[in-house]
Amino acid sequence: MFMFLQVDSCDGVLVVGTSLEVFSAYRFVEYANKRSIPIAIVNYGETRAERSKLSSIVYKSDSNCAVLMKQVLAALQLS
């Protein structure tokens, strides 16, 4: 339950490099969706969240995860 409390305190959920086929990962996204917390996904191909048509998905990219994360770090001046 502790991990769900962490989701409650987030402004959004970022999913990187997973299809969310394993329920242990998908349940956090499902939990965020039930609370209308925005979800952004970076993954090649369709994810379980997309197939479920979760309404809180606000962004989806098929970008290369490593390249995108380097760009995010640079934009945040963390690298």
N, C-alpha and C. Protein backbone atom coordinates (compact mmCIF):
# COMPACT_ATOMS: atom_id res chain seq x y z
N MET A 1 0.82 -1.20 0.00
CA MET A 1 0.00 0.00 0.00
C MET A 1 0.86 1.26 0.00
N PHE A 2 2.06 1.19 0.58
CA PHE A 2 2.95 2.34 0.63
C PHE A 2 3.22 2.91 -0.75
N MET A 3 3.44 2.04 -1.74
CA MET A 3 3.75 2.50 -3.09
C MET A 3 2.58 3.26 -3.70
N PHE A 4 1.37 2.85 -3.40
CA PHE A 4 0.22 3.58 -3.91
C PHE A 4 0.15 4.97 -3.31
N LEU A 5 0.57 5.12 -2.06
CA LEU A 5 0.60 6.45 -1.44
C LEU A 5 1.59 7.34 -2.19
N GLN A 6 2.66 6.77 -2.70
CA GLN A 6 3.62 7.53 -3.49
C GLN A 6 2.96 8.03 -4.78
N VAL A 7 2.16 7.21 -5.40
CA VAL A 7 1.46 7.61 -6.62
C VAL A 7 0.50 8.75 -6.31
N ASP A 8 -0.18 8.68 -5.19
CA ASP A 8 -1.13 9.74 -4.80
C ASP A 8 -0.45 11.09 -4.68
N SER A 9 0.81 11.12 -4.32
CA SER A 9 1.51 12.39 -4.11
C SER A 9 2.20 12.90 -5.38
N CYS A 10 2.04 12.19 -6.51
CA CYS A 10 2.70 12.58 -7.76
C CYS A 10 1.81 13.49 -8.61
N ASP A 11 2.47 14.32 -9.41
CA ASP A 11 1.76 15.14 -10.39
C ASP A 11 1.46 14.33 -11.65
N GLY A 12 2.19 13.24 -11.85
CA GLY A 12 2.00 12.40 -13.02
C GLY A 12 2.84 11.15 -12.91
N VAL A 13 2.60 10.20 -13.80
CA VAL A 13 3.34 8.94 -13.84
C VAL A 13 4.01 8.83 -15.21
N LEU A 14 5.32 8.57 -15.19
CA LEU A 14 6.08 8.38 -16.42
C LEU A 14 6.43 6.90 -16.55
N VAL A 15 5.99 6.30 -17.64
CA VAL A 15 6.26 4.90 -17.93
C VAL A 15 7.32 4.86 -19.03
N VAL A 16 8.47 4.24 -18.74
CA VAL A 16 9.57 4.21 -19.71
C VAL A 16 10.01 2.77 -19.96
N GLY A 17 9.92 2.35 -21.21
CA GLY A 17 10.49 1.07 -21.63
C GLY A 17 9.81 -0.16 -21.08
N THR A 18 8.50 -0.14 -20.96
CA THR A 18 7.79 -1.34 -20.54
C THR A 18 6.45 -1.42 -21.25
N SER A 19 6.05 -2.64 -21.59
CA SER A 19 4.75 -2.85 -22.22
C SER A 19 3.62 -2.91 -21.19
N LEU A 20 3.99 -2.94 -19.91
CA LEU A 20 3.05 -3.03 -18.79
C LEU A 20 2.27 -4.34 -18.79
N GLU A 21 2.83 -5.36 -19.41
CA GLU A 21 2.16 -6.67 -19.44
C GLU A 21 2.17 -7.33 -18.07
N VAL A 22 3.19 -7.08 -17.29
CA VAL A 22 3.28 -7.66 -15.95
C VAL A 22 2.40 -6.82 -15.02
N PHE A 23 1.52 -7.46 -14.29
CA PHE A 23 0.54 -6.74 -13.48
C PHE A 23 1.20 -5.88 -12.41
N SER A 24 2.36 -6.29 -11.89
CA SER A 24 3.01 -5.50 -10.83
C SER A 24 3.34 -4.09 -11.30
N ALA A 25 3.62 -3.91 -12.58
CA ALA A 25 3.86 -2.57 -13.12
C ALA A 25 2.54 -1.91 -13.54
N TYR A 26 1.69 -2.66 -14.17
CA TYR A 26 0.43 -2.12 -14.68
C TYR A 26 -0.47 -1.58 -13.57
N ARG A 27 -0.42 -2.20 -12.38
CA ARG A 27 -1.32 -1.78 -11.30
C ARG A 27 -1.07 -0.35 -10.87
N PHE A 28 0.19 0.14 -10.97
CA PHE A 28 0.46 1.52 -10.60
C PHE A 28 -0.17 2.48 -11.61
N VAL A 29 -0.11 2.12 -12.88
CA VAL A 29 -0.70 2.94 -13.93
C VAL A 29 -2.22 2.91 -13.79
N GLU A 30 -2.77 1.75 -13.54
CA GLU A 30 -4.21 1.61 -13.34
C GLU A 30 -4.67 2.45 -12.14
N TYR A 31 -3.90 2.41 -11.06
CA TYR A 31 -4.20 3.19 -9.85
C TYR A 31 -4.18 4.69 -10.17
N ALA A 32 -3.16 5.13 -10.89
CA ALA A 32 -3.06 6.55 -11.27
C ALA A 32 -4.26 6.95 -12.13
N ASN A 33 -4.64 6.10 -13.06
CA ASN A 33 -5.77 6.38 -13.93
C ASN A 33 -7.06 6.56 -13.13
N LYS A 34 -7.28 5.72 -12.13
CA LYS A 34 -8.49 5.81 -11.31
C LYS A 34 -8.55 7.13 -10.55
N ARG A 35 -7.39 7.75 -10.33
CA ARG A 35 -7.33 9.02 -9.62
C ARG A 35 -7.10 10.21 -10.56
N SER A 36 -7.23 9.97 -11.84
CA SER A 36 -7.07 11.00 -12.88
C SER A 36 -5.70 11.66 -12.84
N ILE A 37 -4.69 10.91 -12.46
CA ILE A 37 -3.30 11.39 -12.48
C ILE A 37 -2.77 11.17 -13.90
N PRO A 38 -2.22 12.21 -14.55
CA PRO A 38 -1.74 12.08 -15.93
C PRO A 38 -0.66 11.01 -16.08
N ILE A 39 -0.72 10.30 -17.19
CA ILE A 39 0.22 9.22 -17.49
C ILE A 39 0.90 9.51 -18.82
N ALA A 40 2.24 9.47 -18.83
CA ALA A 40 3.02 9.61 -20.06
C ALA A 40 3.77 8.30 -20.28
N ILE A 41 3.78 7.83 -21.53
CA ILE A 41 4.38 6.53 -21.86
C ILE A 41 5.41 6.70 -22.96
N VAL A 42 6.60 6.11 -22.74
CA VAL A 42 7.64 6.03 -23.76
C VAL A 42 7.98 4.55 -23.91
N ASN A 43 7.56 3.97 -25.02
CA ASN A 43 7.78 2.54 -25.25
C ASN A 43 7.51 2.24 -26.72
N TYR A 44 8.36 1.39 -27.31
CA TYR A 44 8.09 0.93 -28.67
C TYR A 44 6.83 0.08 -28.65
N GLY A 45 5.92 0.37 -29.53
CA GLY A 45 4.72 -0.45 -29.64
C GLY A 45 3.66 -0.13 -28.60
N GLU A 46 2.55 -0.81 -28.76
CA GLU A 46 1.40 -0.58 -27.90
C GLU A 46 1.61 -1.21 -26.52
N THR A 47 1.10 -0.55 -25.50
CA THR A 47 1.20 -1.05 -24.14
C THR A 47 -0.17 -1.54 -23.66
N ARG A 48 -0.14 -2.26 -22.57
CA ARG A 48 -1.38 -2.75 -21.96
C ARG A 48 -2.29 -1.57 -21.59
N ALA A 49 -1.71 -0.46 -21.14
CA ALA A 49 -2.50 0.71 -20.77
C ALA A 49 -3.25 1.28 -21.98
N GLU A 50 -2.58 1.28 -23.12
CA GLU A 50 -3.23 1.78 -24.34
C GLU A 50 -4.35 0.84 -24.78
N ARG A 51 -4.10 -0.44 -24.73
CA ARG A 51 -5.14 -1.40 -25.10
C ARG A 51 -6.35 -1.28 -24.17
N SER A 52 -6.09 -0.93 -22.91
CA SER A 52 -7.17 -0.74 -21.94
C SER A 52 -7.85 0.61 -22.10
N LYS A 53 -7.28 1.45 -22.97
CA LYS A 53 -7.81 2.79 -23.25
C LYS A 53 -7.97 3.62 -21.97
N LEU A 54 -6.90 3.63 -21.16
CA LEU A 54 -6.93 4.41 -19.93
C LEU A 54 -7.05 5.90 -20.28
N SER A 55 -7.97 6.56 -19.68
CA SER A 55 -8.28 7.95 -20.03
C SER A 55 -7.23 8.96 -19.57
N SER A 56 -6.38 8.58 -18.63
CA SER A 56 -5.38 9.51 -18.11
C SER A 56 -4.09 9.56 -18.93
N ILE A 57 -3.99 8.76 -20.01
CA ILE A 57 -2.81 8.82 -20.86
C ILE A 57 -2.82 10.14 -21.61
N VAL A 58 -1.83 10.99 -21.32
CA VAL A 58 -1.76 12.31 -21.95
C VAL A 58 -0.65 12.41 -22.99
N TYR A 59 0.24 11.41 -23.00
CA TYR A 59 1.38 11.44 -23.93
C TYR A 59 1.83 10.02 -24.21
N LYS A 60 2.14 9.73 -25.46
CA LYS A 60 2.71 8.43 -25.85
C LYS A 60 3.75 8.67 -26.92
N SER A 61 4.92 8.09 -26.74
CA SER A 61 5.99 8.19 -27.73
C SER A 61 6.59 6.83 -27.97
N ASP A 62 6.91 6.55 -29.23
CA ASP A 62 7.62 5.33 -29.59
C ASP A 62 9.12 5.61 -29.69
N SER A 63 9.58 6.71 -29.12
CA SER A 63 10.99 7.10 -29.18
C SER A 63 11.88 6.08 -28.49
N ASN A 64 13.15 6.09 -28.87
CA ASN A 64 14.15 5.28 -28.20
C ASN A 64 14.28 5.81 -26.77
N CYS A 65 14.06 4.95 -25.79
CA CYS A 65 14.03 5.37 -24.39
C CYS A 65 15.35 6.01 -23.94
N ALA A 66 16.47 5.42 -24.30
CA ALA A 66 17.77 5.94 -23.88
C ALA A 66 18.02 7.34 -24.46
N VAL A 67 17.70 7.51 -25.73
CA VAL A 67 17.90 8.81 -26.37
C VAL A 67 16.98 9.86 -25.74
N LEU A 68 15.72 9.51 -25.55
CA LEU A 68 14.77 10.45 -24.97
C LEU A 68 15.17 10.85 -23.55
N MET A 69 15.58 9.88 -22.73
CA MET A 69 15.94 10.19 -21.35
C MET A 69 17.19 11.08 -21.29
N LYS A 70 18.13 10.90 -22.21
CA LYS A 70 19.30 11.80 -22.27
C LYS A 70 18.85 13.22 -22.58
N GLN A 71 17.89 13.36 -23.47
CA GLN A 71 17.36 14.67 -23.82
C GLN A 71 16.64 15.31 -22.63
N VAL A 72 15.90 14.51 -21.89
CA VAL A 72 15.19 15.00 -20.70
C VAL A 72 16.21 15.47 -19.66
N LEU A 73 17.23 14.67 -19.41
CA LEU A 73 18.27 15.04 -18.44
C LEU A 73 18.97 16.34 -18.86
N ALA A 74 19.26 16.47 -20.14
CA ALA A 74 19.90 17.68 -20.64
C ALA A 74 18.98 18.89 -20.47
N ALA A 75 17.71 18.71 -20.77
CA ALA A 75 16.76 19.81 -20.63
C ALA A 75 16.61 20.24 -19.18
N LEU A 76 16.71 19.28 -18.28
CA LEU A 76 16.62 19.58 -16.85
C LEU A 76 17.98 19.96 -16.26
N GLN A 77 19.00 19.96 -17.12
CA GLN A 77 20.37 20.27 -16.74
C GLN A 77 20.87 19.35 -15.62
N LEU A 78 20.56 18.05 -15.79
CA LEU A 78 20.98 17.05 -14.82
C LEU A 78 22.10 16.16 -15.33
N SER A 79 22.55 16.42 -16.57
CA SER A 79 23.64 15.59 -17.10
C SER A 79 24.79 16.46 -17.54
